Amino acid sequence: MARMVWNEAEVSAHDVSKLKPNQRVVYEAWTAGADLRQIYARPTFYRHRRAILSALDVDISIPFCKHQTAEVVPIRQLPKIDLNAAVVTALPAWANRINSKLREGGATIFEDAA
């Protein structure tokens, strides 16, 4: 099991230095809100899309939204914790007290029911 902290992660901008100059122009046009499907021929658009998707994990086929439409909460994952499970053969004392009170009240207790 792991615990996640919802507030201390950093959100980084895309590193456009990974792109070729012509792909940077396409990326910048996309961030400016241009409809790239109308500008480029179909094979050219998909060639740029594939290159930008592999370099930055950004899909230029989805329109770029200049204004935030939702709050994005970055998360940071903490190290995993190992949990060990053990079989319990006897009821704890508090459960026995509850069962005895229930029996006094006339309830039927099924001991071996799981």
Protein backbone atom coordinates (compact mmCIF):
# COMPACT_ATOMS: atom_id res chain seq x y z
CA MET A 1 0.00 0.00 0.00
CA ALA A 2 1.17 3.51 -0.60
CA ARG A 3 0.11 6.88 0.68
CA MET A 4 -0.21 9.86 -1.62
CA VAL A 5 0.42 13.47 -0.66
CA TRP A 6 -1.68 15.91 -2.69
CA ASN A 7 0.26 19.10 -2.17
CA GLU A 8 4.02 19.14 -2.53
CA ALA A 9 4.61 18.07 -6.11
CA GLU A 10 5.96 20.41 -8.73
CA VAL A 11 4.30 20.97 -12.08
CA SER A 12 6.90 21.58 -14.77
CA ALA A 13 6.50 23.25 -18.14
CA HIS A 14 7.16 21.29 -21.29
CA ASP A 15 10.78 21.26 -22.43
CA VAL A 16 10.50 22.31 -26.08
CA SER A 17 14.25 21.91 -26.54
CA LYS A 18 13.51 18.23 -27.22
CA LEU A 19 11.71 19.22 -30.41
CA LYS A 20 13.10 20.01 -33.84
CA PRO A 21 12.68 23.66 -34.93
CA ASN A 22 9.75 22.91 -37.26
CA GLN A 23 8.03 20.94 -34.48
CA ARG A 24 8.55 23.84 -32.05
CA VAL A 25 6.67 26.10 -34.48
CA VAL A 26 3.81 23.60 -34.60
CA TYR A 27 3.77 23.31 -30.80
CA GLU A 28 3.80 27.09 -30.33
CA ALA A 29 0.98 27.48 -32.87
CA TRP A 30 -1.01 24.86 -30.96
CA THR A 31 -0.47 26.67 -27.63
CA ALA A 32 -1.59 29.90 -29.32
CA GLY A 33 -4.91 28.18 -30.11
CA ALA A 34 -4.48 27.50 -33.83
CA ASP A 35 -6.48 24.67 -35.43
CA LEU A 36 -3.58 22.68 -36.84
CA ARG A 37 -5.81 20.31 -38.79
CA GLN A 38 -6.88 23.26 -40.94
CA ILE A 39 -3.31 24.52 -41.42
CA TYR A 40 -1.40 21.34 -42.26
CA ALA A 41 -2.08 18.48 -44.66
CA ARG A 42 -3.31 15.31 -42.98
CA PRO A 43 -0.02 13.34 -43.23
CA THR A 44 2.00 16.36 -42.06
CA PHE A 45 -0.32 16.98 -39.11
CA TYR A 46 -0.10 13.37 -37.94
CA ARG A 47 3.68 13.27 -38.44
CA HIS A 48 4.02 16.34 -36.17
CA ARG A 49 1.49 14.91 -33.72
CA ARG A 50 3.42 11.65 -33.42
CA ALA A 51 6.75 13.46 -32.91
CA ILE A 52 5.39 15.89 -30.30
CA LEU A 53 3.48 13.14 -28.52
CA SER A 54 6.60 10.99 -28.19
CA ALA A 55 8.85 13.90 -27.13
CA LEU A 56 6.56 15.80 -24.73
CA ASP A 57 3.55 13.54 -24.09
CA VAL A 58 1.34 16.30 -25.50
CA ASP A 59 -1.43 15.48 -27.97
CA ILE A 60 -1.88 18.38 -30.39
CA SER A 61 -5.07 16.85 -31.76
CA ILE A 62 -6.82 17.98 -28.56
CA PRO A 63 -7.47 21.75 -28.62
CA PHE A 64 -5.26 23.74 -26.27
CA CYS A 65 -7.15 25.48 -23.47
CA LYS A 66 -5.62 28.82 -22.49
CA HIS A 67 -7.77 29.21 -19.40
CA GLN A 68 -7.76 26.65 -16.67
CA THR A 69 -11.10 24.87 -16.56
CA ALA A 70 -10.36 22.84 -13.44
CA GLU A 71 -8.01 22.89 -10.53
CA VAL A 72 -5.14 20.52 -11.11
CA VAL A 73 -3.76 19.09 -7.92
CA PRO A 74 -0.29 17.66 -8.39
CA ILE A 75 0.49 14.56 -6.38
CA ARG A 76 3.64 13.06 -5.00
CA GLN A 77 3.82 9.39 -4.16
CA LEU A 78 5.46 8.35 -0.91
CA PRO A 79 7.39 5.10 -0.46
CA LYS A 80 5.30 1.94 -0.22
CA ILE A 81 4.58 0.39 3.15
CA ASP A 82 4.63 -3.39 3.61
CA LEU A 83 1.67 -4.76 5.54
CA ASN A 84 1.59 -8.23 7.06
CA ALA A 85 -1.68 -10.02 7.68
CA ALA A 86 -2.15 -12.58 10.42
CA VAL A 87 -5.01 -14.99 11.02
CA VAL A 88 -6.93 -14.19 14.19
CA THR A 89 -8.23 -17.28 15.98
CA ALA A 90 -9.82 -15.69 19.06
CA LEU A 91 -12.15 -12.74 19.46
CA PRO A 92 -10.79 -9.69 21.25
CA ALA A 93 -12.04 -8.95 24.77
CA TRP A 94 -14.27 -6.07 23.67
CA ALA A 95 -16.07 -8.35 21.16
CA ASN A 96 -16.66 -10.94 23.87
CA ARG A 97 -18.19 -8.24 26.11
CA ILE A 98 -20.52 -7.18 23.29
CA ASN A 99 -21.53 -10.79 22.59
CA SER A 100 -22.30 -11.40 26.28
CA LYS A 101 -24.48 -8.26 26.44
CA LEU A 102 -26.31 -9.35 23.30
CA ARG A 103 -26.91 -12.83 24.75
CA GLU A 104 -28.27 -11.24 27.95
CA GLY A 105 -30.70 -9.29 25.78
CA GLY A 106 -31.93 -12.48 24.12
CA ALA A 107 -29.98 -12.28 20.82
CA THR A 108 -28.69 -15.39 19.11
CA ILE A 109 -24.93 -15.27 18.40
CA PHE A 110 -23.48 -17.51 15.69
CA GLU A 111 -19.91 -18.13 16.82
CA ASP A 112 -18.63 -19.84 13.67
CA ALA A 113 -20.26 -17.55 11.13
CA ALA A 114 -17.74 -15.82 8.92
